[in-house]
Amino acid sequence: MRLLLWLFRAFVFFTLFAFALNNQQNATVRWFFGAEWQAPMVIVVLAAFAAGAAVGVLAMLPSWWRERRKARLQAPAPVAPAPAPAPASELPLEHPPREGL
């Protein structure tokens, strides 16, 4: 099973590597007000993917925080540990029973 996982990872890596090698021509991204950005197409695709992932994470943050706060409020209160027994030096001395009384 472990070998299959590594083979799958190698397949994905080499597929993406081949994609990058096949898309080295420049692409022009035109922004507003006449601004342009020219870069290799693979960089443009990578930047678009990274921007989309960042927007997705930022969109999920409020609900993650809300759920985390709700879980923290519903968690049981921590139980205080039982007090440790007193050391033998602090125990009251017991007197042996008196005989003959």
N, C-alpha and C. Protein backbone atom coordinates (compact mmCIF):
# COMPACT_ATOMS: atom_id res chain seq x y z
N MET A 1 0.83 -1.19 0.00
CA MET A 1 0.00 0.00 0.00
C MET A 1 0.87 1.25 0.00
N ARG A 2 1.93 1.21 0.78
CA ARG A 2 2.82 2.35 0.86
C ARG A 2 3.49 2.62 -0.49
N LEU A 3 3.83 1.56 -1.20
CA LEU A 3 4.45 1.69 -2.51
C LEU A 3 3.48 2.34 -3.49
N LEU A 4 2.22 1.96 -3.43
CA LEU A 4 1.21 2.56 -4.31
C LEU A 4 1.05 4.06 -4.05
N LEU A 5 1.12 4.44 -2.79
CA LEU A 5 1.01 5.85 -2.44
C LEU A 5 2.19 6.64 -3.02
N TRP A 6 3.40 6.10 -2.92
CA TRP A 6 4.56 6.78 -3.48
C TRP A 6 4.51 6.81 -5.01
N LEU A 7 4.00 5.76 -5.62
CA LEU A 7 3.85 5.77 -7.07
C LEU A 7 2.83 6.83 -7.50
N PHE A 8 1.76 6.97 -6.76
CA PHE A 8 0.76 8.00 -7.07
C PHE A 8 1.36 9.39 -6.93
N ARG A 9 2.12 9.62 -5.85
CA ARG A 9 2.78 10.92 -5.65
C ARG A 9 3.75 11.22 -6.78
N ALA A 10 4.52 10.22 -7.20
CA ALA A 10 5.47 10.40 -8.30
C ALA A 10 4.72 10.74 -9.60
N PHE A 11 3.60 10.06 -9.83
CA PHE A 11 2.80 10.33 -11.01
C PHE A 11 2.29 11.77 -11.02
N VAL A 12 1.77 12.23 -9.89
CA VAL A 12 1.27 13.60 -9.80
C VAL A 12 2.40 14.59 -10.01
N PHE A 13 3.56 14.34 -9.39
CA PHE A 13 4.69 15.25 -9.55
C PHE A 13 5.13 15.34 -11.00
N PHE A 14 5.32 14.21 -11.66
CA PHE A 14 5.79 14.24 -13.04
C PHE A 14 4.74 14.81 -14.00
N THR A 15 3.47 14.61 -13.70
CA THR A 15 2.42 15.22 -14.51
C THR A 15 2.47 16.74 -14.40
N LEU A 16 2.60 17.26 -13.19
CA LEU A 16 2.69 18.70 -13.00
C LEU A 16 3.99 19.26 -13.59
N PHE A 17 5.06 18.50 -13.47
CA PHE A 17 6.34 18.93 -14.04
C PHE A 17 6.24 19.03 -15.56
N ALA A 18 5.61 18.04 -16.19
CA ALA A 18 5.42 18.07 -17.64
C ALA A 18 4.52 19.23 -18.04
N PHE A 19 3.49 19.51 -17.24
CA PHE A 19 2.62 20.65 -17.50
C PHE A 19 3.42 21.95 -17.48
N ALA A 20 4.31 22.08 -16.49
CA ALA A 20 5.12 23.29 -16.38
C ALA A 20 6.06 23.43 -17.57
N LEU A 21 6.65 22.32 -18.00
CA LEU A 21 7.57 22.37 -19.15
C LEU A 21 6.84 22.69 -20.45
N ASN A 22 5.61 22.25 -20.58
CA ASN A 22 4.85 22.48 -21.82
C ASN A 22 4.22 23.87 -21.88
N ASN A 23 4.22 24.60 -20.79
CA ASN A 23 3.55 25.91 -20.76
C ASN A 23 4.53 27.00 -20.35
N GLN A 24 5.64 27.08 -21.05
CA GLN A 24 6.64 28.09 -20.72
C GLN A 24 6.46 29.38 -21.51
N GLN A 25 5.57 29.41 -22.48
CA GLN A 25 5.38 30.64 -23.24
C GLN A 25 4.77 31.71 -22.35
N ASN A 26 5.03 32.95 -22.70
CA ASN A 26 4.53 34.06 -21.89
C ASN A 26 3.03 34.24 -22.07
N ALA A 27 2.42 34.62 -20.98
CA ALA A 27 1.00 34.95 -20.98
C ALA A 27 0.87 36.38 -20.46
N THR A 28 -0.07 37.09 -20.97
CA THR A 28 -0.30 38.47 -20.54
C THR A 28 -1.59 38.53 -19.75
N VAL A 29 -1.49 39.05 -18.55
CA VAL A 29 -2.66 39.25 -17.71
C VAL A 29 -2.94 40.75 -17.72
N ARG A 30 -4.11 41.12 -18.18
CA ARG A 30 -4.47 42.54 -18.27
C ARG A 30 -5.36 42.90 -17.08
N TRP A 31 -4.91 43.86 -16.31
CA TRP A 31 -5.63 44.33 -15.13
C TRP A 31 -6.44 45.56 -15.52
N PHE A 32 -7.04 46.19 -14.55
CA PHE A 32 -7.81 47.40 -14.79
C PHE A 32 -6.88 48.58 -15.09
N PHE A 33 -7.40 49.58 -15.73
CA PHE A 33 -6.71 50.83 -16.03
C PHE A 33 -5.46 50.62 -16.87
N GLY A 34 -5.44 49.61 -17.73
CA GLY A 34 -4.35 49.40 -18.66
C GLY A 34 -3.12 48.72 -18.09
N ALA A 35 -3.17 48.28 -16.86
CA ALA A 35 -2.01 47.60 -16.26
C ALA A 35 -1.91 46.19 -16.84
N GLU A 36 -0.68 45.76 -17.12
CA GLU A 36 -0.45 44.42 -17.66
C GLU A 36 0.64 43.72 -16.87
N TRP A 37 0.54 42.40 -16.88
CA TRP A 37 1.58 41.58 -16.24
C TRP A 37 1.90 40.45 -17.20
N GLN A 38 3.17 40.33 -17.56
CA GLN A 38 3.59 39.24 -18.44
C GLN A 38 4.47 38.28 -17.64
N ALA A 39 4.15 37.01 -17.73
CA ALA A 39 4.90 35.97 -17.02
C ALA A 39 4.65 34.65 -17.74
N PRO A 40 5.50 33.65 -17.48
CA PRO A 40 5.22 32.33 -18.05
C PRO A 40 3.85 31.82 -17.59
N MET A 41 3.19 31.10 -18.47
CA MET A 41 1.82 30.66 -18.18
C MET A 41 1.75 29.82 -16.90
N VAL A 42 2.76 29.00 -16.65
CA VAL A 42 2.71 28.15 -15.46
C VAL A 42 2.75 29.02 -14.19
N ILE A 43 3.44 30.15 -14.23
CA ILE A 43 3.46 31.05 -13.08
C ILE A 43 2.09 31.71 -12.90
N VAL A 44 1.47 32.08 -14.00
CA VAL A 44 0.13 32.68 -13.94
C VAL A 44 -0.86 31.68 -13.34
N VAL A 45 -0.80 30.44 -13.79
CA VAL A 45 -1.71 29.41 -13.27
C VAL A 45 -1.45 29.16 -11.79
N LEU A 46 -0.17 29.08 -11.40
CA LEU A 46 0.19 28.88 -9.99
C LEU A 46 -0.29 30.06 -9.14
N ALA A 47 -0.12 31.27 -9.62
CA ALA A 47 -0.57 32.44 -8.87
C ALA A 47 -2.09 32.44 -8.72
N ALA A 48 -2.81 32.07 -9.78
CA ALA A 48 -4.27 32.02 -9.70
C ALA A 48 -4.71 30.95 -8.70
N PHE A 49 -4.04 29.81 -8.71
CA PHE A 49 -4.37 28.75 -7.75
C PHE A 49 -4.11 29.20 -6.32
N ALA A 50 -2.94 29.83 -6.08
CA ALA A 50 -2.60 30.29 -4.74
C ALA A 50 -3.58 31.37 -4.26
N ALA A 51 -3.95 32.28 -5.16
CA ALA A 51 -4.90 33.33 -4.78
C ALA A 51 -6.27 32.73 -4.45
N GLY A 52 -6.70 31.76 -5.22
CA GLY A 52 -7.98 31.11 -4.94
C GLY A 52 -7.97 30.35 -3.63
N ALA A 53 -6.86 29.66 -3.34
CA ALA A 53 -6.75 28.95 -2.07
C ALA A 53 -6.75 29.92 -0.89
N ALA A 54 -6.05 31.05 -1.04
CA ALA A 54 -6.01 32.05 0.03
C ALA A 54 -7.39 32.65 0.27
N VAL A 55 -8.12 32.96 -0.79
CA VAL A 55 -9.48 33.51 -0.64
C VAL A 55 -10.39 32.48 0.02
N GLY A 56 -10.24 31.21 -0.34
CA GLY A 56 -11.06 30.16 0.28
C GLY A 56 -10.79 30.02 1.76
N VAL A 57 -9.52 30.07 2.15
CA VAL A 57 -9.18 29.97 3.57
C VAL A 57 -9.70 31.18 4.32
N LEU A 58 -9.52 32.36 3.76
CA LEU A 58 -10.01 33.57 4.43
C LEU A 58 -11.54 33.57 4.55
N ALA A 59 -12.22 33.00 3.58
CA ALA A 59 -13.68 32.93 3.66
C ALA A 59 -14.14 31.96 4.74
N MET A 60 -13.34 30.94 5.03
CA MET A 60 -13.71 29.94 6.03
C MET A 60 -13.32 30.34 7.46
N LEU A 61 -12.43 31.30 7.62
CA LEU A 61 -11.96 31.65 8.96
C LEU A 61 -13.07 32.02 9.94
N PRO A 62 -14.02 32.87 9.61
CA PRO A 62 -15.06 33.20 10.60
C PRO A 62 -15.84 31.98 11.09
N SER A 63 -16.19 31.07 10.19
CA SER A 63 -16.94 29.89 10.66
C SER A 63 -16.05 28.97 11.48
N TRP A 64 -14.78 28.86 11.13
CA TRP A 64 -13.87 28.04 11.96
C TRP A 64 -13.76 28.62 13.35
N TRP A 65 -13.60 29.94 13.46
CA TRP A 65 -13.51 30.57 14.77
C TRP A 65 -14.80 30.39 15.56
N ARG A 66 -15.94 30.53 14.89
CA ARG A 66 -17.22 30.38 15.57
C ARG A 66 -17.37 28.96 16.11
N GLU A 67 -17.06 27.96 15.29
CA GLU A 67 -17.17 26.57 15.74
C GLU A 67 -16.18 26.27 16.86
N ARG A 68 -15.00 26.82 16.79
CA ARG A 68 -14.01 26.59 17.84
C ARG A 68 -14.46 27.21 19.16
N ARG A 69 -15.03 28.43 19.08
CA ARG A 69 -15.54 29.07 20.29
C ARG A 69 -16.69 28.27 20.88
N LYS A 70 -17.58 27.77 20.01
CA LYS A 70 -18.72 26.98 20.47
C LYS A 70 -18.24 25.68 21.14
N ALA A 71 -17.25 25.03 20.56
CA ALA A 71 -16.73 23.80 21.13
C ALA A 71 -16.05 24.07 22.48
N ARG A 72 -15.36 25.21 22.59
CA ARG A 72 -14.70 25.53 23.84
C ARG A 72 -15.71 25.81 24.95
N LEU A 73 -16.84 26.43 24.59
CA LEU A 73 -17.87 26.71 25.59
C LEU A 73 -18.62 25.44 26.01
N GLN A 74 -18.74 24.48 25.12
CA GLN A 74 -19.45 23.24 25.43
C GLN A 74 -18.56 22.20 26.08
N ALA A 75 -17.27 22.40 26.11
CA ALA A 75 -16.36 21.42 26.69
C ALA A 75 -16.59 21.37 28.19
N PRO A 76 -16.49 20.18 28.79
CA PRO A 76 -16.66 20.09 30.24
C PRO A 76 -15.54 20.84 30.95
N ALA A 77 -15.91 21.41 32.10
CA ALA A 77 -14.93 22.16 32.88
C ALA A 77 -13.84 21.21 33.35
N PRO A 78 -12.61 21.65 33.37
CA PRO A 78 -11.53 20.77 33.84
C PRO A 78 -11.72 20.45 35.32
N VAL A 79 -11.51 19.21 35.66
CA VAL A 79 -11.67 18.75 37.03
C VAL A 79 -10.35 18.96 37.75
N ALA A 80 -10.43 19.57 38.94
CA ALA A 80 -9.23 19.81 39.73
C ALA A 80 -8.69 18.48 40.22
N PRO A 81 -7.39 18.30 40.19
CA PRO A 81 -6.84 17.03 40.67
C PRO A 81 -7.06 16.87 42.17
N ALA A 82 -7.18 15.64 42.59
CA ALA A 82 -7.37 15.35 44.01
C ALA A 82 -6.12 15.79 44.77
N PRO A 83 -6.30 16.31 45.98
CA PRO A 83 -5.12 16.75 46.74
C PRO A 83 -4.21 15.56 47.05
N ALA A 84 -2.95 15.81 46.98
CA ALA A 84 -1.97 14.75 47.25
C ALA A 84 -1.97 14.44 48.74
N PRO A 85 -1.75 13.19 49.10
CA PRO A 85 -1.71 12.86 50.53
C PRO A 85 -0.53 13.57 51.21
N ALA A 86 -0.74 13.90 52.47
CA ALA A 86 0.30 14.61 53.21
C ALA A 86 1.51 13.70 53.40
N PRO A 87 2.69 14.26 53.36
CA PRO A 87 3.88 13.43 53.60
C PRO A 87 3.87 12.88 55.02
N ALA A 88 4.59 11.82 55.22
CA ALA A 88 4.59 11.15 56.53
C ALA A 88 5.09 12.06 57.63
N SER A 89 5.93 13.02 57.33
CA SER A 89 6.46 13.91 58.37
C SER A 89 5.40 14.85 58.90
N GLU A 90 4.32 15.07 58.15
CA GLU A 90 3.27 15.98 58.59
C GLU A 90 2.08 15.26 59.22
N LEU A 91 2.06 13.93 59.23
CA LEU A 91 0.95 13.19 59.82
C LEU A 91 1.03 13.27 61.34
N PRO A 92 -0.12 13.32 62.02
CA PRO A 92 -0.07 13.33 63.49
C PRO A 92 0.49 12.02 64.01
N LEU A 93 1.23 12.12 65.08
CA LEU A 93 1.83 10.92 65.66
C LEU A 93 0.78 10.10 66.37
N GLU A 94 0.80 8.82 66.14
CA GLU A 94 -0.13 7.94 66.83
C GLU A 94 0.59 7.35 68.04
N HIS A 95 -0.09 7.38 69.15
CA HIS A 95 0.51 6.82 70.37
C HIS A 95 0.12 5.35 70.44
N PRO A 96 1.04 4.50 70.81
CA PRO A 96 0.68 3.10 70.96
C PRO A 96 -0.34 2.93 72.08
N PRO A 97 -1.21 1.97 71.95
CA PRO A 97 -2.21 1.77 73.02
C PRO A 97 -1.53 1.42 74.32
N ARG A 98 -2.08 1.95 75.41
CA ARG A 98 -1.53 1.69 76.72
C ARG A 98 -2.05 0.34 77.22
N GLU A 99 -1.14 -0.38 77.78
CA GLU A 99 -1.53 -1.68 78.31
C GLU A 99 -1.66 -1.58 79.81
N GLY A 100 -2.54 -2.34 80.33
CA GLY A 100 -2.70 -2.44 81.77
C GLY A 100 -3.61 -1.40 82.37
N LEU A 101 -4.32 -0.68 81.65
CA LEU A 101 -5.22 0.28 82.26
C LEU A 101 -6.56 -0.31 82.46
